[in-house]
Amino acid sequence: MKKWYESKTVWVNGLVFLAAILQAIYGKEIISPAAQVIILSAINTALRLITKHEINWKGDVE
């Protein structure tokens, strides 16, 4: 098991969440929503394929 902050998937999704908030606040669309979904889906799929460890959300790593 690994700590949540060691997860690439958590970091990628957190950054995408932040980017979506910034896009909404500033009203600027850098990449179309459809392209964003496709790109994020591909990245999450790739990360899932290389994931070897479960995330421990409680903080006590065994």
Protein backbone atom coordinates (compact mmCIF):
# COMPACT_ATOMS: atom_id res chain seq x y z
CA MET A 1 0.00 0.00 0.00
CA LYS A 2 1.10 3.56 -0.56
CA LYS A 3 0.13 6.92 0.86
CA TRP A 4 -2.45 8.92 -1.11
CA TYR A 5 0.04 11.66 -2.03
CA GLU A 6 2.30 9.10 -3.71
CA SER A 7 -0.40 8.30 -6.27
CA LYS A 8 0.10 9.71 -9.77
CA THR A 9 -3.60 9.23 -10.46
CA VAL A 10 -4.59 11.36 -7.46
CA TRP A 11 -2.16 14.10 -8.54
CA VAL A 12 -3.34 14.10 -12.17
CA ASN A 13 -6.99 14.26 -11.16
CA GLY A 14 -6.26 16.99 -8.61
CA LEU A 15 -4.52 19.09 -11.25
CA VAL A 16 -7.37 18.55 -13.70
CA PHE A 17 -9.83 19.60 -10.99
CA LEU A 18 -7.82 22.77 -10.34
CA ALA A 19 -7.63 23.51 -14.07
CA ALA A 20 -11.40 23.10 -14.40
CA ILE A 21 -11.98 25.53 -11.52
CA LEU A 22 -9.60 28.07 -13.04
CA GLN A 23 -11.30 27.71 -16.42
CA ALA A 24 -14.68 28.33 -14.81
CA ILE A 25 -13.44 31.34 -12.83
CA TYR A 26 -11.68 33.04 -15.74
CA GLY A 27 -14.02 31.85 -18.48
CA LYS A 28 -11.13 30.83 -20.73
CA GLU A 29 -11.31 27.52 -22.53
CA ILE A 30 -7.83 26.36 -23.50
CA ILE A 31 -8.85 22.88 -24.63
CA SER A 32 -12.40 21.95 -25.61
CA PRO A 33 -14.39 20.01 -22.96
CA ALA A 34 -14.67 17.01 -25.30
CA ALA A 35 -10.90 16.92 -25.80
CA GLN A 36 -10.37 17.28 -22.04
CA VAL A 37 -12.53 14.22 -21.37
CA ILE A 38 -10.70 12.16 -23.99
CA ILE A 39 -7.25 13.19 -22.73
CA LEU A 40 -8.10 12.60 -19.07
CA SER A 41 -9.64 9.24 -19.87
CA ALA A 42 -6.51 8.16 -21.75
CA ILE A 43 -4.20 9.36 -18.95
CA ASN A 44 -6.28 7.63 -16.26
CA THR A 45 -6.35 4.41 -18.29
CA ALA A 46 -2.58 4.49 -18.75
CA LEU A 47 -2.02 5.16 -15.05
CA ARG A 48 -4.38 2.35 -14.13
CA LEU A 49 -2.40 -0.05 -16.31
CA ILE A 50 0.86 0.77 -14.51
CA THR A 51 -0.61 0.91 -11.00
CA LYS A 52 0.77 -1.78 -8.75
CA HIS A 53 -0.22 -0.67 -5.26
CA GLU A 54 -3.44 0.15 -3.51
CA ILE A 55 -3.84 3.56 -1.86
CA ASN A 56 -4.09 3.69 1.90
CA TRP A 57 -6.39 6.63 2.69
CA LYS A 58 -6.11 6.21 6.47
CA GLY A 59 -2.45 7.16 6.69
CA ASP A 60 -1.08 4.03 8.38
CA VAL A 61 1.01 2.30 5.71
CA GLU A 62 1.65 -1.38 6.26
